[in-house]
Amino acid sequence: MELLMVMCLLALFYGLSCLHKIVLRRRDQACYLLAYECYMPTDDMMLCTDSCVKIVTRNKNLGLEEFRFLLKTIVNSGIGEETYCPKNIIEGREDDATLVDELLEMDEIIFDTLDKLFAKFSAISPSQIDILVVNVSMFSPAPSLTSRIVNRYKMREDIKTFNLSGMGCSASLIAIDVVQNLFKSYKNVNAIVVSTESISPHWYCGKEKSMMLTNCLFRSGGCSMLFTNNRDLKHQAKLKLNHMVRMHTGSNDEAYNCCIQVEDESGYKGFRLTKYLVKAASQGFTMNLQVLLPKVLPLREILRYLVVSKLKSAKSQKLKADEGVGLNLKTAIEHFCIHPGGRAVIDGIGKSLGLSDYDVEPSRMALHRFGNTSAAGFWYALGYMEAKKRLKKGNRILMSGFGAGFKCNNIVWEVLKDLDDANVWKDCIDSYPPDTLVNPFVEKYRWIDDETLNFVRFDFSLAP
């Protein structure tokens, strides 16, 4: 009898020990965002209406039809008057970018944001970074960009570095997933994620309409983020990662080809965006939510949805992209950070989720003020929420991104304290949202014809 009791006690002790280890392991797997810093380009990189026209009219391959298409696209893009592009494009060398131009563009964005990040969160120095992940889809030099950072900041020899390329606009969420998984294996470590895109050598100089869209949408930008799984730093953190779900629909040929780098018939390299892009985003998003929502929604909302679905027996209970999700996400999510990649995607996802203008305002304003900054776009939208003092302790944020391939990634963050940093928006947040998002481009060039187009080209050819 006594032996049995001893064995039971030993079994209980072993069970409690295992449970304790599991609890500790989960504690160590936490992923906290300590700080982030978005890139603010200099004024000499700004693209106003006249700057856009000057660049467009330099493309001698464009006729009146292509010019009018660009006019319509720019006007309807949701992009404003104060976006930025690389200096070689401003200087008229968009078709002749050098390696020096590419490295200069990366250095300005990466080092500027990292310098400010380390200054903002001085408790952690470059020598205390254990993991470094850089994502730039369109530029992968040797040595890698991670090596360039390690050399600049003289980081430790045992730092773990990862250089991601070709991952598209949702790459920063993929980079965070890399960090989160490494946090499961290492205790009390710090990680840096750098997200940006190379624009300088990838300006499309042809006339295929589906490839000219990227010139209208993509702009210079970037962000550096600092993460940790050290619970002692939790009280200094801004956000905690609660859930992440990734989906890849590249097995579908239309989804794979809807956003792809190719050469046109004349040999000009560019990025082709097809009409299937919005559908691919909607389908991938719906599939993603089918996995994510059961993890975040309260039971009462799931039961309500099941009851309503049962009553509507004529329709499928499975989520359909063209009908919306049919669930009230606001029972679990207070803020929505949709990748500001384009007006159509923002509006489409907003409609699918039943979101209000207030909910999609951060993404729309990030697109208007900074354009599509690729994988960094989420952080400009997040910065907008913080500058507007919307983020309160306990709030949850759904960050949704899409990328070539085709990929859809969702993250749910928990706000750990009231946030009010004006960040990259500090000089203009009081003027947002503006009364109107109409681009004045249309007011100046609405009635353009062949003769006017030639005159505009001649006029801008004389401009300094």
Protein backbone atom coordinates (compact mmCIF):
# COMPACT_ATOMS: atom_id res chain seq x y z
CA MET A 1 0.00 0.00 0.00
CA GLU A 2 2.78 2.37 0.98
CA LEU A 3 4.66 1.49 -2.21
CA LEU A 4 1.53 2.32 -4.24
CA MET A 5 1.21 5.68 -2.50
CA VAL A 6 4.86 6.44 -3.19
CA MET A 7 4.43 5.52 -6.83
CA CYS A 8 1.31 7.71 -7.06
CA LEU A 9 3.14 10.60 -5.44
CA LEU A 10 6.07 10.15 -7.82
CA ALA A 11 3.68 10.04 -10.79
CA LEU A 12 1.94 13.19 -9.53
CA PHE A 13 5.27 14.91 -9.01
CA TYR A 14 6.40 13.92 -12.51
CA GLY A 15 3.13 15.14 -13.99
CA LEU A 16 3.37 18.48 -12.19
CA SER A 17 7.00 18.79 -13.29
CA CYS A 18 6.04 18.20 -16.94
CA LEU A 19 3.17 20.68 -16.64
CA HIS A 20 5.54 23.22 -15.12
CA LYS A 21 7.97 22.76 -18.01
CA ILE A 22 5.16 23.18 -20.54
CA VAL A 23 4.00 26.38 -18.85
CA LEU A 24 7.54 27.74 -18.75
CA ARG A 25 8.08 26.77 -22.38
CA ARG A 26 4.94 28.64 -23.42
CA ARG A 27 6.04 31.63 -21.36
CA ASP A 28 9.33 31.68 -23.25
CA GLN A 29 7.50 31.45 -26.60
CA ALA A 30 5.82 34.83 -26.20
CA CYS A 31 6.58 37.37 -28.93
CA TYR A 32 6.54 41.02 -27.88
CA LEU A 33 6.94 44.06 -30.13
CA LEU A 34 9.08 46.53 -28.18
CA ALA A 35 9.33 49.28 -30.79
CA TYR A 36 9.16 50.02 -34.51
CA GLU A 37 10.41 52.85 -36.70
CA CYS A 38 9.04 53.75 -40.14
CA TYR A 39 11.16 55.51 -42.75
CA MET A 40 10.46 59.15 -43.55
CA PRO A 41 12.13 60.09 -46.85
CA THR A 42 13.55 63.55 -47.44
CA ASP A 43 11.57 66.26 -49.22
CA ASP A 44 13.72 66.04 -52.35
CA MET A 45 12.25 62.56 -52.93
CA MET A 46 8.63 63.73 -52.85
CA LEU A 47 6.30 63.14 -55.81
CA CYS A 48 3.77 65.92 -56.37
CA THR A 49 1.44 66.10 -59.38
CA ASP A 50 3.92 67.87 -61.62
CA SER A 51 6.72 65.47 -60.63
CA CYS A 52 4.53 62.52 -61.65
CA VAL A 53 3.77 64.12 -65.02
CA LYS A 54 7.43 64.86 -65.59
CA ILE A 55 8.34 61.21 -65.02
CA VAL A 56 5.45 59.87 -67.08
CA THR A 57 6.15 62.09 -70.06
CA ARG A 58 9.78 60.93 -70.17
CA ASN A 59 8.50 57.54 -71.33
CA LYS A 60 8.48 57.99 -75.11
CA ASN A 61 6.80 54.59 -75.51
CA LEU A 62 3.51 56.02 -74.25
CA GLY A 63 0.90 57.28 -76.66
CA LEU A 64 -2.27 59.20 -75.89
CA GLU A 65 -4.19 56.03 -74.91
CA GLU A 66 -1.53 54.89 -72.43
CA PHE A 67 -1.19 58.39 -71.01
CA ARG A 68 -4.95 58.64 -70.41
CA PHE A 69 -4.88 55.20 -68.78
CA LEU A 70 -2.15 56.38 -66.41
CA LEU A 71 -4.12 59.55 -65.69
CA LYS A 72 -7.22 57.54 -64.77
CA THR A 73 -5.20 55.08 -62.69
CA ILE A 74 -3.37 57.78 -60.73
CA VAL A 75 -6.61 59.65 -60.04
CA ASN A 76 -8.40 56.51 -58.82
CA SER A 77 -5.44 54.97 -56.97
CA GLY A 78 -6.11 56.60 -53.60
CA ILE A 79 -2.55 58.00 -53.58
CA GLY A 80 -1.99 61.65 -52.62
CA GLU A 81 0.47 64.42 -53.33
CA GLU A 82 3.21 63.58 -50.84
CA THR A 83 4.50 60.10 -51.61
CA TYR A 84 8.17 59.41 -52.32
CA CYS A 85 10.34 57.60 -54.84
CA PRO A 86 14.10 56.93 -55.16
CA LYS A 87 16.45 59.71 -56.20
CA ASN A 88 17.54 58.08 -59.45
CA ILE A 89 13.92 58.26 -60.66
CA ILE A 90 13.57 61.89 -59.59
CA GLU A 91 16.81 62.61 -61.45
CA GLY A 92 15.56 60.95 -64.66
CA ARG A 93 17.65 57.76 -64.50
CA GLU A 94 14.79 55.30 -64.01
CA ASP A 95 15.92 53.15 -66.95
CA ASP A 96 19.59 53.18 -65.96
CA ALA A 97 19.82 52.41 -62.23
CA THR A 98 23.25 51.24 -61.06
CA LEU A 99 24.25 48.93 -58.22
CA VAL A 100 25.34 52.06 -56.36
CA ASP A 101 21.79 53.43 -56.68
CA GLU A 102 20.31 50.19 -55.35
CA LEU A 103 22.64 50.01 -52.36
CA LEU A 104 22.22 53.70 -51.60
CA GLU A 105 18.44 53.28 -51.56
CA MET A 106 18.68 50.34 -49.15
CA ASP A 107 21.27 52.00 -46.93
CA GLU A 108 19.20 55.15 -46.52
CA ILE A 109 16.07 53.26 -45.51
CA ILE A 110 17.61 50.50 -43.42
CA PHE A 111 20.23 52.49 -41.53
CA ASP A 112 17.95 55.47 -40.93
CA THR A 113 15.23 53.31 -39.35
CA LEU A 114 17.67 51.18 -37.36
CA ASP A 115 19.54 54.22 -36.01
CA LYS A 116 16.24 55.71 -34.82
CA LEU A 117 15.04 52.37 -33.45
CA PHE A 118 18.14 51.86 -31.30
CA ALA A 119 17.94 55.48 -30.15
CA LYS A 120 14.25 55.08 -29.25
CA PHE A 121 14.77 51.83 -27.33
CA SER A 122 18.22 52.39 -25.89
CA ALA A 123 17.86 49.56 -23.35
CA ILE A 124 18.87 47.15 -26.12
CA SER A 125 22.03 47.80 -28.13
CA PRO A 126 23.04 46.26 -31.49
CA SER A 127 25.35 43.86 -29.63
CA GLN A 128 22.33 42.45 -27.78
CA ILE A 129 20.49 41.40 -30.94
CA ASP A 130 20.33 37.62 -31.28
CA ILE A 131 18.22 37.30 -34.46
CA LEU A 132 18.14 39.50 -37.58
CA VAL A 133 15.63 39.03 -40.41
CA VAL A 134 15.58 41.28 -43.47
CA ASN A 135 12.96 41.07 -46.21
CA VAL A 136 13.46 42.81 -49.56
CA SER A 137 11.70 40.96 -52.36
CA MET A 138 13.36 42.51 -55.42
CA PHE A 139 17.01 42.93 -54.39
CA SER A 140 19.39 40.31 -53.02
CA PRO A 141 23.04 41.42 -53.22
CA ALA A 142 26.11 39.52 -52.04
CA PRO A 143 27.12 39.88 -49.28
CA SER A 144 23.49 39.90 -48.15
CA LEU A 145 21.68 42.88 -46.67
CA THR A 146 21.78 41.17 -43.27
CA SER A 147 25.59 41.00 -43.54
CA ARG A 148 25.60 44.69 -44.45
CA ILE A 149 23.72 45.45 -41.23
CA VAL A 150 25.92 43.19 -39.09
CA ASN A 151 28.99 44.96 -40.47
CA ARG A 152 27.58 48.45 -39.94
CA TYR A 153 26.53 47.85 -36.32
CA LYS A 154 29.34 45.40 -35.42
CA MET A 155 26.90 42.76 -34.17
CA ARG A 156 27.95 39.54 -32.45
CA GLU A 157 29.50 36.60 -34.28
CA ASP A 158 26.78 34.20 -33.11
CA ILE A 159 23.85 36.28 -34.37
CA LYS A 160 21.37 34.28 -36.45
CA THR A 161 20.61 36.08 -39.73
CA PHE A 162 17.97 35.42 -42.37
CA ASN A 163 17.59 37.21 -45.70
CA LEU A 164 14.14 36.81 -47.34
CA SER A 165 13.56 37.67 -51.00
CA GLY A 166 10.70 37.26 -53.47
CA MET A 167 8.07 37.05 -50.71
CA GLY A 168 5.97 40.03 -51.82
CA CYS A 169 4.02 42.61 -49.87
CA SER A 170 3.24 40.32 -46.92
CA ALA A 171 6.93 39.57 -46.32
CA SER A 172 7.18 41.40 -42.99
CA LEU A 173 4.51 39.09 -41.52
CA ILE A 174 6.47 36.10 -42.84
CA ALA A 175 9.62 37.53 -41.24
CA ILE A 176 7.76 37.85 -37.93
CA ASP A 177 6.69 34.21 -38.26
CA VAL A 178 10.38 33.28 -38.62
CA VAL A 179 11.14 35.21 -35.43
CA GLN A 180 8.21 33.67 -33.55
CA ASN A 181 9.32 30.14 -34.42
CA LEU A 182 12.91 30.85 -33.36
CA PHE A 183 11.60 32.22 -30.07
CA LYS A 184 10.25 28.72 -29.37
CA SER A 185 13.80 27.39 -29.32
CA TYR A 186 15.72 30.20 -27.59
CA LYS A 187 15.02 31.88 -24.26
CA ASN A 188 15.31 35.59 -23.49
CA VAL A 189 16.48 36.67 -26.93
CA ASN A 190 15.99 39.84 -28.97
CA ALA A 191 15.22 40.06 -32.68
CA ILE A 192 15.22 42.73 -35.36
CA VAL A 193 13.03 42.60 -38.48
CA VAL A 194 13.71 45.03 -41.34
CA SER A 195 11.07 45.35 -44.07
CA THR A 196 11.45 47.42 -47.22
CA GLU A 197 11.50 47.13 -51.00
CA SER A 198 13.91 48.03 -53.80
CA ILE A 199 12.23 50.50 -56.17
CA SER A 200 15.16 52.21 -57.91
CA PRO A 201 15.98 49.51 -60.53
CA HIS A 202 12.41 48.31 -61.05
CA TRP A 203 10.65 51.25 -62.68
CA TYR A 204 8.71 49.93 -65.69
CA CYS A 205 9.54 51.80 -68.91
CA GLY A 206 7.20 49.95 -71.30
CA LYS A 207 3.59 50.53 -72.25
CA GLU A 208 1.69 47.37 -71.19
CA LYS A 209 -1.17 48.62 -69.04
CA SER A 210 -1.15 45.75 -66.55
CA MET A 211 2.53 46.45 -65.89
CA MET A 212 2.25 50.25 -65.63
CA LEU A 213 0.11 49.89 -62.51
CA THR A 214 3.11 49.31 -60.25
CA ASN A 215 4.58 52.69 -61.23
CA CYS A 216 1.35 54.30 -60.03
CA LEU A 217 1.18 52.43 -56.73
CA PHE A 218 4.62 51.54 -55.35
CA ARG A 219 6.60 54.12 -53.41
CA SER A 220 9.66 54.34 -51.17
CA GLY A 221 9.27 53.25 -47.56
CA GLY A 222 10.47 50.83 -44.94
CA CYS A 223 10.29 49.84 -41.29
CA SER A 224 12.52 48.30 -38.64
CA MET A 225 10.99 46.42 -35.69
CA LEU A 226 12.39 45.17 -32.38
CA PHE A 227 11.02 41.98 -30.81
CA THR A 228 11.76 39.93 -27.72
CA ASN A 229 10.49 36.89 -25.81
CA ASN A 230 12.02 38.14 -22.55
CA ARG A 231 9.11 38.46 -20.13
CA ASP A 232 11.10 40.91 -18.01
CA LEU A 233 10.64 43.41 -20.87
CA LYS A 234 6.91 42.82 -21.24
CA HIS A 235 6.01 46.01 -19.37
CA GLN A 236 7.98 48.01 -21.97
CA ALA A 237 6.39 46.30 -24.98
CA LYS A 238 3.75 47.83 -27.24
CA LEU A 239 2.14 44.68 -28.64
CA LYS A 240 2.00 40.94 -28.02
CA LEU A 241 1.52 38.47 -30.87
CA ASN A 242 -1.52 36.34 -30.08
CA HIS A 243 -2.19 34.45 -33.33
CA MET A 244 -0.73 34.03 -36.80
CA VAL A 245 -2.15 32.12 -39.77
CA ARG A 246 -0.46 31.84 -43.18
CA MET A 247 -2.04 30.66 -46.43
CA HIS A 248 -0.42 29.99 -49.81
CA THR A 249 -2.66 29.48 -52.87
CA GLY A 250 0.16 29.22 -55.41
CA SER A 251 -1.08 25.83 -56.61
CA ASN A 252 -3.80 27.73 -58.45
CA ASP A 253 -2.35 28.97 -61.75
CA GLU A 254 -4.45 32.15 -61.86
CA ALA A 255 -3.48 33.05 -58.30
CA TYR A 256 0.19 32.31 -59.02
CA ASN A 257 0.22 34.51 -62.15
CA CYS A 258 -1.89 37.42 -60.88
CA CYS A 259 1.14 39.27 -59.50
CA ILE A 260 4.33 38.27 -61.29
CA GLN A 261 7.61 39.74 -62.55
CA VAL A 262 7.95 39.32 -66.33
CA GLU A 263 9.28 41.00 -69.46
CA ASP A 264 6.82 42.54 -71.93
CA GLU A 265 6.93 41.99 -75.71
CA SER A 266 9.52 44.75 -76.07
CA GLY A 267 11.82 43.27 -73.44
CA TYR A 268 11.01 45.75 -70.67
CA LYS A 269 11.05 44.11 -67.24
CA GLY A 270 8.23 44.88 -64.84
CA PHE A 271 5.55 43.53 -62.52
CA ARG A 272 2.30 42.39 -64.12
CA LEU A 273 -0.87 42.76 -62.04
CA THR A 274 -3.88 40.96 -63.53
CA LYS A 275 -7.61 41.38 -62.91
CA TYR A 276 -7.54 38.15 -60.89
CA LEU A 277 -5.53 39.85 -58.13
CA VAL A 278 -8.55 41.09 -56.14
CA LYS A 279 -10.26 37.68 -56.43
CA ALA A 280 -7.08 35.87 -55.34
CA ALA A 281 -6.79 38.17 -52.33
CA SER A 282 -10.44 37.66 -51.40
CA GLN A 283 -10.26 33.87 -51.72
CA GLY A 284 -6.99 33.58 -49.80
CA PHE A 285 -8.32 35.90 -47.12
CA THR A 286 -11.51 33.85 -46.71
CA MET A 287 -9.53 30.59 -46.42
CA ASN A 288 -7.26 32.21 -43.86
CA LEU A 289 -10.16 33.45 -41.74
CA GLN A 290 -11.69 29.98 -41.65
CA VAL A 291 -8.63 28.89 -39.67
CA LEU A 292 -8.07 32.08 -37.68
CA LEU A 293 -11.56 33.09 -36.53
CA PRO A 294 -12.34 30.01 -34.40
CA LYS A 295 -9.21 30.87 -32.42
CA VAL A 296 -10.19 34.49 -31.69
CA LEU A 297 -13.99 34.82 -31.77
CA PRO A 298 -16.01 34.37 -28.57
CA LEU A 299 -18.16 31.24 -28.40
CA ARG A 300 -21.39 33.26 -28.46
CA GLU A 301 -20.54 34.76 -31.85
CA ILE A 302 -19.66 31.38 -33.33
CA LEU A 303 -22.95 29.93 -32.03
CA ARG A 304 -24.88 32.91 -33.42
CA TYR A 305 -23.28 32.39 -36.82
CA LEU A 306 -24.08 28.66 -36.79
CA VAL A 307 -27.71 29.34 -35.91
CA VAL A 308 -28.07 31.97 -38.64
CA SER A 309 -26.38 29.67 -41.14
CA LYS A 310 -28.74 26.86 -40.20
CA LEU A 311 -31.74 29.09 -40.76
CA LYS A 312 -30.40 30.01 -44.18
CA SER A 313 -30.30 26.37 -45.21
CA ALA A 314 -30.53 27.27 -48.88
CA LYS A 315 -27.02 28.65 -48.70
CA SER A 316 -23.79 26.88 -47.91
CA GLN A 317 -22.50 27.16 -44.35
CA LYS A 318 -19.02 27.45 -45.77
CA LEU A 319 -17.66 30.97 -46.10
CA LYS A 320 -17.84 32.44 -49.57
CA ALA A 321 -15.69 35.32 -50.76
CA ASP A 322 -18.52 37.06 -52.62
CA GLU A 323 -20.90 36.95 -49.62
CA GLY A 324 -18.55 38.19 -46.92
CA VAL A 325 -17.60 36.22 -43.83
CA GLY A 326 -21.01 36.59 -42.15
CA LEU A 327 -19.35 36.92 -38.75
CA ASN A 328 -19.05 39.99 -36.56
CA LEU A 329 -15.28 40.31 -36.19
CA LYS A 330 -15.71 43.31 -33.93
CA THR A 331 -16.70 40.97 -31.11
CA ALA A 332 -13.02 39.97 -30.98
CA ILE A 333 -11.10 42.64 -32.92
CA GLU A 334 -11.15 46.39 -32.26
CA HIS A 335 -8.78 47.57 -35.02
CA PHE A 336 -8.07 46.46 -38.59
CA CYS A 337 -4.77 46.96 -40.38
CA ILE A 338 -5.27 45.93 -44.01
CA HIS A 339 -2.18 46.14 -46.17
CA PRO A 340 -2.38 49.50 -48.02
CA GLY A 341 -1.50 47.96 -51.36
CA GLY A 342 -4.26 49.54 -53.38
CA ARG A 343 -7.68 51.08 -53.10
CA ALA A 344 -9.51 48.08 -54.64
CA VAL A 345 -8.05 45.58 -52.16
CA ILE A 346 -8.70 47.81 -49.14
CA ASP A 347 -12.30 48.48 -50.19
CA GLY A 348 -12.89 44.83 -51.13
CA ILE A 349 -11.61 43.41 -47.84
CA GLY A 350 -13.42 46.13 -45.90
CA LYS A 351 -16.71 45.23 -47.58
CA SER A 352 -16.13 41.51 -47.08
CA LEU A 353 -15.63 42.03 -43.33
CA GLY A 354 -18.48 44.52 -42.98
CA LEU A 355 -16.08 47.24 -41.81
CA SER A 356 -16.92 50.93 -41.50
CA ASP A 357 -15.02 53.86 -43.01
CA TYR A 358 -13.49 54.38 -39.56
CA ASP A 359 -12.14 50.82 -39.55
CA VAL A 360 -10.40 51.07 -42.96
CA GLU A 361 -9.31 54.69 -42.49
CA PRO A 362 -5.75 53.83 -41.30
CA SER A 363 -5.06 51.75 -44.42
CA ARG A 364 -6.60 54.31 -46.76
CA MET A 365 -4.63 57.13 -45.18
CA ALA A 366 -1.36 55.18 -45.26
CA LEU A 367 -1.94 54.57 -48.98
CA HIS A 368 -2.79 58.24 -49.55
CA ARG A 369 0.18 59.66 -47.64
CA PHE A 370 2.92 57.10 -48.41
CA GLY A 371 1.61 54.95 -51.28
CA ASN A 372 2.13 51.19 -51.47
CA THR A 373 5.37 50.71 -49.54
CA SER A 374 5.21 46.94 -50.04
CA ALA A 375 5.89 44.89 -46.89
CA ALA A 376 6.35 48.05 -44.79
CA GLY A 377 2.82 49.27 -45.46
CA PHE A 378 1.27 47.65 -42.37
CA TRP A 379 3.47 49.69 -40.09
CA TYR A 380 2.53 53.04 -41.62
CA ALA A 381 -1.13 52.09 -41.06
CA LEU A 382 -0.35 50.96 -37.49
CA GLY A 383 1.54 54.22 -36.95
CA TYR A 384 -1.56 56.12 -38.05
CA MET A 385 -3.68 54.35 -35.41
CA GLU A 386 -1.10 55.12 -32.75
CA ALA A 387 -0.73 58.76 -33.79
CA LYS A 388 -4.53 59.12 -33.62
CA LYS A 389 -4.40 57.64 -30.09
CA ARG A 390 -6.81 54.86 -31.02
CA LEU A 391 -4.84 51.98 -29.48
CA LYS A 392 -5.76 51.28 -25.86
CA LYS A 393 -4.55 48.58 -23.49
CA GLY A 394 -6.31 45.28 -24.15
CA ASN A 395 -7.35 46.17 -27.72
CA ARG A 396 -6.71 43.64 -30.45
CA ILE A 397 -5.50 44.40 -33.97
CA LEU A 398 -5.98 42.24 -37.05
CA MET A 399 -3.09 42.79 -39.47
CA SER A 400 -3.84 41.35 -42.92
CA GLY A 401 -1.39 41.11 -45.80
CA PHE A 402 -1.16 39.72 -49.31
CA GLY A 403 1.83 38.90 -51.47
CA ALA A 404 2.87 37.50 -54.83
CA GLY A 405 2.77 33.75 -55.02
CA PHE A 406 -0.13 34.09 -53.97
CA LYS A 407 0.03 34.50 -50.19
CA CYS A 408 -2.36 35.71 -47.50
CA ASN A 409 -1.10 36.14 -43.94
CA ASN A 410 -2.99 37.34 -40.85
CA ILE A 411 -1.70 38.33 -37.43
CA VAL A 412 -3.70 39.22 -34.31
CA TRP A 413 -1.88 41.55 -31.93
CA GLU A 414 -2.85 42.49 -28.37
CA VAL A 415 -2.12 46.07 -27.27
CA LEU A 416 -0.25 45.96 -23.95
CA LYS A 417 -0.54 49.64 -23.01
CA ASP A 418 -2.16 52.84 -24.26
CA LEU A 419 -0.16 54.02 -27.28
CA ASP A 420 0.18 57.63 -28.40
CA ASP A 421 3.50 58.01 -30.24
CA ALA A 422 3.05 60.42 -33.19
CA ASN A 423 5.94 58.63 -34.97
CA VAL A 424 6.32 59.13 -38.72
CA TRP A 425 2.92 60.90 -38.85
CA LYS A 426 3.84 63.66 -36.38
CA ASP A 427 4.07 66.49 -38.94
CA CYS A 428 0.76 65.80 -40.69
CA ILE A 429 -1.54 63.75 -38.43
CA ASP A 430 -3.70 66.76 -37.56
CA SER A 431 -4.63 67.20 -41.23
CA TYR A 432 -5.79 63.59 -41.59
CA PRO A 433 -8.17 62.39 -42.80
CA PRO A 434 -8.33 65.14 -45.45
CA ASP A 435 -11.70 66.46 -46.62
CA THR A 436 -11.17 64.93 -50.04
CA LEU A 437 -8.86 62.32 -51.53
CA VAL A 438 -9.15 63.63 -55.10
CA ASN A 439 -5.78 63.87 -56.83
CA PRO A 440 -5.31 67.30 -58.51
CA PHE A 441 -3.64 65.48 -61.42
CA VAL A 442 -7.03 65.25 -63.11
CA GLU A 443 -7.75 68.96 -62.74
CA LYS A 444 -4.60 69.92 -64.66
CA TYR A 445 -4.61 67.24 -67.36
CA ARG A 446 -8.29 66.27 -67.75
CA TRP A 447 -8.66 67.41 -71.38
CA ILE A 448 -5.38 66.18 -72.74
CA ASP A 449 -5.15 65.33 -76.45
CA ASP A 450 -2.27 64.42 -78.78
CA GLU A 451 -1.26 68.03 -79.35
CA THR A 452 -1.43 68.84 -75.64
CA LEU A 453 0.52 65.69 -74.76
CA ASN A 454 3.34 66.72 -77.10
CA PHE A 455 3.29 70.22 -75.61
CA VAL A 456 3.44 68.83 -72.06
CA ARG A 457 6.38 66.62 -73.02
CA PHE A 458 8.18 69.58 -74.59
CA ASP A 459 7.41 71.79 -71.61
CA PHE A 460 8.74 69.26 -69.08
CA SER A 461 11.80 68.54 -71.22
CA LEU A 462 12.82 72.15 -70.61
CA ALA A 463 12.10 72.02 -66.90
CA PRO A 464 15.15 71.83 -64.58
